[in-house]
């Protein structure tokens, strides 16, 4: 796509508040972004070749939806914390190793998708976000789920395809957690604490592809209590 089409995207965005410049093979941000008025509510820069998220993004304080997936971005600037209206953040398929502490200021975040990055420690900053409903950290390099996770407010936590060996029993204290995905990690059966099965609200616990078999899982203390919740939810659905 040529500059003419990019320019057209910008003209449209001034009216709609939606700027979509995905799949354009861009490796640097269009200069027009620097002078663009603060009207954007949705910014989609996915499937390009960006290596950084520029600090210019901080000027778009009305942003509710940011999609920067499918790039080569290794860091997110601390200034992202000024985007206090942000509700969805999608940065899957990048090269992130950490996330900035400033995300704690984005108190309206409801969905965060950071699948398929290089994150090696559970980002506890998300435990401070009271409106967060979905956190997807699948396909990263996380090895441990820490005790701080007890403050997480999500209903779904996806940790599939990491390198997790330890899950803090405090995860049982998550007030709203219903779906916990831990498939294809490095968990021994002893890593599934009975409290998760007995005391938590989790009714969909996905643990296939770890270092134990389904028979060992069904023999865990508290398995029957978990299955009661699982079955009750299935009955509601049907």
Protein backbone atom coordinates (compact mmCIF):
# COMPACT_ATOMS: atom_id res chain seq x y z
CA UNK A 1 0.00 0.00 0.00
CA UNK A 2 1.29 3.44 -0.88
CA UNK A 3 1.37 6.65 1.12
CA UNK A 4 -1.81 7.78 -0.57
CA UNK A 5 -3.78 4.97 1.04
CA UNK A 6 -2.15 5.56 4.43
CA UNK A 7 -3.13 9.23 4.12
CA UNK A 8 -6.71 8.16 3.38
CA UNK A 9 -6.74 6.06 6.56
CA UNK A 10 -5.75 9.14 8.54
CA UNK A 11 -8.41 11.33 6.95
CA UNK A 12 -11.10 8.78 7.78
CA UNK A 13 -9.82 8.39 11.34
CA UNK A 14 -10.29 12.10 12.03
CA UNK A 15 -14.01 11.55 11.56
CA UNK A 16 -14.43 8.09 13.09
CA UNK A 17 -11.84 8.01 15.88
CA UNK A 18 -10.72 4.64 14.48
CA UNK A 19 -7.30 4.34 12.83
CA UNK A 20 -6.43 1.00 11.27
CA UNK A 21 -3.01 0.81 9.61
CA UNK A 22 -2.41 -2.93 9.82
CA UNK A 23 -0.77 -5.20 7.24
CA UNK A 24 1.14 -2.33 5.62
CA UNK A 25 4.70 -3.62 6.22
CA UNK A 26 5.46 -0.43 8.12
CA UNK A 27 8.71 -0.41 10.13
CA UNK A 28 8.40 3.13 11.40
CA UNK A 29 5.41 5.15 12.49
CA UNK A 30 3.91 7.51 9.93
CA UNK A 31 4.98 11.08 10.65
CA UNK A 32 1.31 12.05 10.45
CA UNK A 33 0.83 10.41 13.87
CA UNK A 34 2.98 13.10 15.49
CA UNK A 35 0.64 15.89 14.38
CA UNK A 36 -2.58 13.90 14.48
CA UNK A 37 -5.32 15.38 16.70
CA UNK A 38 -6.22 13.64 19.95
CA UNK A 39 -9.44 12.04 18.70
CA UNK A 40 -8.50 8.35 18.46
CA UNK A 41 -10.45 5.78 20.45
CA UNK A 42 -9.20 2.75 18.51
CA UNK A 43 -5.69 2.30 17.12
CA UNK A 44 -4.82 -0.84 15.15
CA UNK A 45 -1.17 -1.09 14.07
CA UNK A 46 -1.11 -4.89 13.94
CA UNK A 47 0.83 -7.08 11.49
CA UNK A 48 3.55 -4.59 10.61
CA UNK A 49 7.29 -4.53 11.31
CA UNK A 50 7.50 -2.14 14.23
CA UNK A 51 10.25 -2.80 16.77
CA UNK A 52 9.15 -0.18 19.30
CA UNK A 53 5.91 1.32 20.50
CA UNK A 54 6.68 5.04 20.15
CA UNK A 55 6.23 7.47 23.03
CA UNK A 56 4.02 9.55 20.70
CA UNK A 57 1.28 7.11 21.59
CA UNK A 58 0.92 8.86 24.96
CA UNK A 59 -0.79 11.84 23.33
CA UNK A 60 -3.85 9.74 22.43
CA UNK A 61 -5.38 9.94 25.89
CA UNK A 62 -8.86 8.96 24.64
CA UNK A 63 -7.71 5.53 23.40
CA UNK A 64 -9.91 2.64 24.49
CA UNK A 65 -8.57 -0.09 22.20
CA UNK A 66 -4.94 -0.63 21.20
CA UNK A 67 -3.94 -3.50 18.91
CA UNK A 68 -0.20 -3.79 18.24
CA UNK A 69 -0.14 -7.55 17.70
CA UNK A 70 2.05 -9.25 15.11
CA UNK A 71 5.03 -6.90 15.18
CA UNK A 72 8.58 -7.17 16.57
CA UNK A 73 8.08 -4.91 19.57
CA UNK A 74 10.43 -5.71 22.46
CA UNK A 75 9.45 -3.00 24.96
CA UNK A 76 6.42 -0.97 25.91
CA UNK A 77 7.23 2.59 27.08
CA UNK A 78 6.29 3.59 30.64
CA UNK A 79 4.24 6.45 29.18
CA UNK A 80 1.53 3.95 28.22
CA UNK A 81 0.28 4.54 31.76
CA UNK A 82 -1.25 7.87 30.70
CA UNK A 83 -3.77 6.01 28.52
CA UNK A 84 -6.13 5.78 31.47
CA UNK A 85 -9.22 5.08 29.32
CA UNK A 86 -7.68 1.96 27.74
CA UNK A 87 -10.02 -1.06 27.88
CA UNK A 88 -8.33 -3.59 25.59
CA UNK A 89 -4.64 -4.13 24.93
CA UNK A 90 -3.55 -6.72 22.37
CA UNK A 91 0.20 -7.20 21.93
CA UNK A 92 0.30 -10.89 21.08
CA UNK A 93 2.98 -12.17 18.68
CA UNK A 94 5.72 -9.71 19.63
CA UNK A 95 9.06 -9.92 21.46
CA UNK A 96 8.12 -8.51 24.87
CA UNK A 97 10.12 -9.73 27.87
CA UNK A 98 8.40 -7.53 30.49
CA UNK A 99 5.51 -5.11 30.81
CA UNK A 100 5.79 -1.64 32.38
CA UNK A 101 4.68 -0.98 35.96
CA UNK A 102 2.80 2.07 34.69
CA UNK A 103 0.03 -0.20 33.34
CA UNK A 104 -1.32 -0.11 36.89
CA UNK A 105 -2.67 3.36 36.00
CA UNK A 106 -4.80 1.90 33.18
CA UNK A 107 -7.58 1.10 35.61
CA UNK A 108 -10.26 0.53 32.95
CA UNK A 109 -8.43 -2.36 31.27
CA UNK A 110 -10.79 -5.30 30.76
CA UNK A 111 -8.82 -7.51 28.34
CA UNK A 112 -5.07 -7.93 27.98
CA UNK A 113 -3.67 -10.34 25.39
CA UNK A 114 0.09 -10.89 25.50
CA UNK A 115 0.22 -14.38 24.02
CA UNK A 116 3.35 -15.54 22.17
CA UNK A 117 5.97 -13.17 23.57
CA UNK A 118 9.15 -13.76 25.61
CA UNK A 119 7.80 -12.85 29.07
CA UNK A 120 9.64 -14.88 31.73
CA UNK A 121 8.08 -13.61 34.98
CA UNK A 122 4.40 -13.32 35.81
CA UNK A 123 3.54 -9.58 35.47
CA UNK A 124 2.10 -8.87 38.93
CA UNK A 125 1.13 -5.36 37.82
CA UNK A 126 -2.08 -6.91 36.45
CA UNK A 127 -3.08 -7.90 39.98
CA UNK A 128 -3.80 -4.21 40.66
CA UNK A 129 -6.39 -3.81 37.90
CA UNK A 130 -9.85 -4.21 39.38
CA UNK A 131 -11.78 -4.30 36.08
CA UNK A 132 -9.54 -6.78 34.28
CA UNK A 133 -11.63 -9.74 33.12
CA UNK A 134 -9.36 -11.67 30.74
CA UNK A 135 -5.57 -12.03 30.93
CA UNK A 136 -3.91 -14.11 28.21
CA UNK A 137 -0.22 -14.87 28.87
CA UNK A 138 -0.11 -18.12 26.91
CA UNK A 139 2.97 -19.11 24.89
CA UNK A 140 5.53 -17.22 26.96
CA UNK A 141 8.40 -18.34 29.20
CA UNK A 142 6.83 -17.92 32.62
CA UNK A 143 8.09 -20.47 35.18
CA UNK A 144 6.12 -19.56 38.29
CA UNK A 145 2.73 -18.20 39.31
CA UNK A 146 3.52 -16.08 42.41
CA UNK A 147 1.45 -15.54 45.61
CA UNK A 148 0.53 -12.00 44.49
CA UNK A 149 -1.85 -13.62 42.00
CA UNK A 150 -4.47 -13.79 44.78
CA UNK A 151 -5.42 -10.15 44.03
CA UNK A 152 -6.15 -10.84 40.37
CA UNK A 153 -9.76 -9.96 39.46
CA UNK A 154 -10.03 -11.84 36.15
CA UNK A 155 -12.60 -14.51 35.36
CA UNK A 156 -10.19 -16.16 32.90
CA UNK A 157 -6.41 -16.59 33.15
CA UNK A 158 -4.65 -18.29 30.23
CA UNK A 159 -1.16 -19.60 31.00
CA UNK A 160 -1.06 -22.41 28.43
CA UNK A 161 2.29 -23.29 26.87
CA UNK A 162 4.68 -21.69 29.33
CA UNK A 163 7.35 -23.38 31.46
CA UNK A 164 5.49 -23.26 34.76
CA UNK A 165 6.61 -25.58 37.55
CA UNK A 166 5.10 -23.72 40.53
CA UNK A 167 1.55 -22.42 41.06
CA UNK A 168 1.10 -20.53 44.34
CA UNK A 169 -1.77 -21.94 46.38
CA UNK A 170 -2.95 -18.33 46.82
CA UNK A 171 -4.46 -18.56 43.35
CA UNK A 172 -7.37 -20.22 45.17
CA UNK A 173 -8.16 -16.81 46.70
CA UNK A 174 -8.88 -15.15 43.34
CA UNK A 175 -12.35 -13.70 43.86
CA UNK A 176 -13.70 -14.16 40.33
CA UNK A 177 -11.46 -16.72 38.62
CA UNK A 178 -13.58 -19.33 36.83
CA UNK A 179 -11.33 -20.54 33.98
CA UNK A 180 -7.68 -21.36 34.64
CA UNK A 181 -5.68 -22.64 31.67
CA UNK A 182 -2.39 -24.37 32.51
CA UNK A 183 -2.06 -26.78 29.58
CA UNK A 184 1.36 -27.79 28.24
CA UNK A 185 3.52 -26.59 31.11
CA UNK A 186 6.02 -28.43 33.32
CA UNK A 187 3.75 -29.14 36.29
CA UNK A 188 4.13 -32.19 38.50
CA UNK A 189 0.92 -33.44 40.11
CA UNK A 190 2.04 -32.02 43.49
CA UNK A 191 1.93 -28.52 41.96
CA UNK A 192 -1.90 -28.65 41.86
CA UNK A 193 -2.66 -27.60 45.43
CA UNK A 194 -5.83 -29.07 46.99
CA UNK A 195 -6.99 -25.54 47.87
CA UNK A 196 -7.40 -24.80 44.15
CA UNK A 197 -9.78 -27.73 43.87
CA UNK A 198 -11.59 -27.29 47.20
CA UNK A 199 -11.71 -23.56 47.98
CA UNK A 200 -11.44 -21.69 44.68
CA UNK A 201 -14.24 -20.60 42.35
CA UNK A 202 -12.46 -22.27 39.40
CA UNK A 203 -14.93 -24.44 37.50
CA UNK A 204 -12.84 -24.94 34.34
CA UNK A 205 -9.30 -26.10 35.15
CA UNK A 206 -7.34 -27.10 32.04
CA UNK A 207 -4.18 -29.07 32.82
CA UNK A 208 -3.59 -31.45 29.89
CA UNK A 209 -0.04 -31.81 28.61
CA UNK A 210 1.82 -31.60 31.92
CA UNK A 211 3.98 -34.11 33.79
CA UNK A 212 1.08 -36.18 35.17
CA UNK A 213 -1.80 -38.16 33.72
CA UNK A 214 -5.55 -37.70 34.01
CA UNK A 215 -5.85 -40.56 36.52
CA UNK A 216 -3.46 -38.80 38.90
CA UNK A 217 -5.51 -35.65 38.52
CA UNK A 218 -8.80 -37.39 39.35
CA UNK A 219 -7.21 -38.90 42.47
CA UNK A 220 -6.24 -35.51 43.91
CA UNK A 221 -7.72 -34.43 47.22
CA UNK A 222 -10.58 -32.07 46.40
CA UNK A 223 -11.21 -33.38 42.88
CA UNK A 224 -14.85 -34.21 43.71
CA UNK A 225 -15.47 -30.67 45.01
CA UNK A 226 -14.03 -29.26 41.78
CA UNK A 227 -16.18 -31.59 39.66
CA UNK A 228 -19.32 -30.39 41.45
CA UNK A 229 -18.57 -26.82 40.33
CA UNK A 230 -17.63 -28.01 36.83
CA UNK A 231 -20.87 -29.99 36.44
CA UNK A 232 -23.05 -27.20 37.88
CA UNK A 233 -21.75 -24.77 35.28
CA UNK A 234 -22.29 -27.27 32.45
CA UNK A 235 -25.91 -27.75 33.57
CA UNK A 236 -26.48 -23.98 33.46
CA UNK A 237 -25.10 -23.82 29.92
CA UNK A 238 -27.30 -26.65 28.67
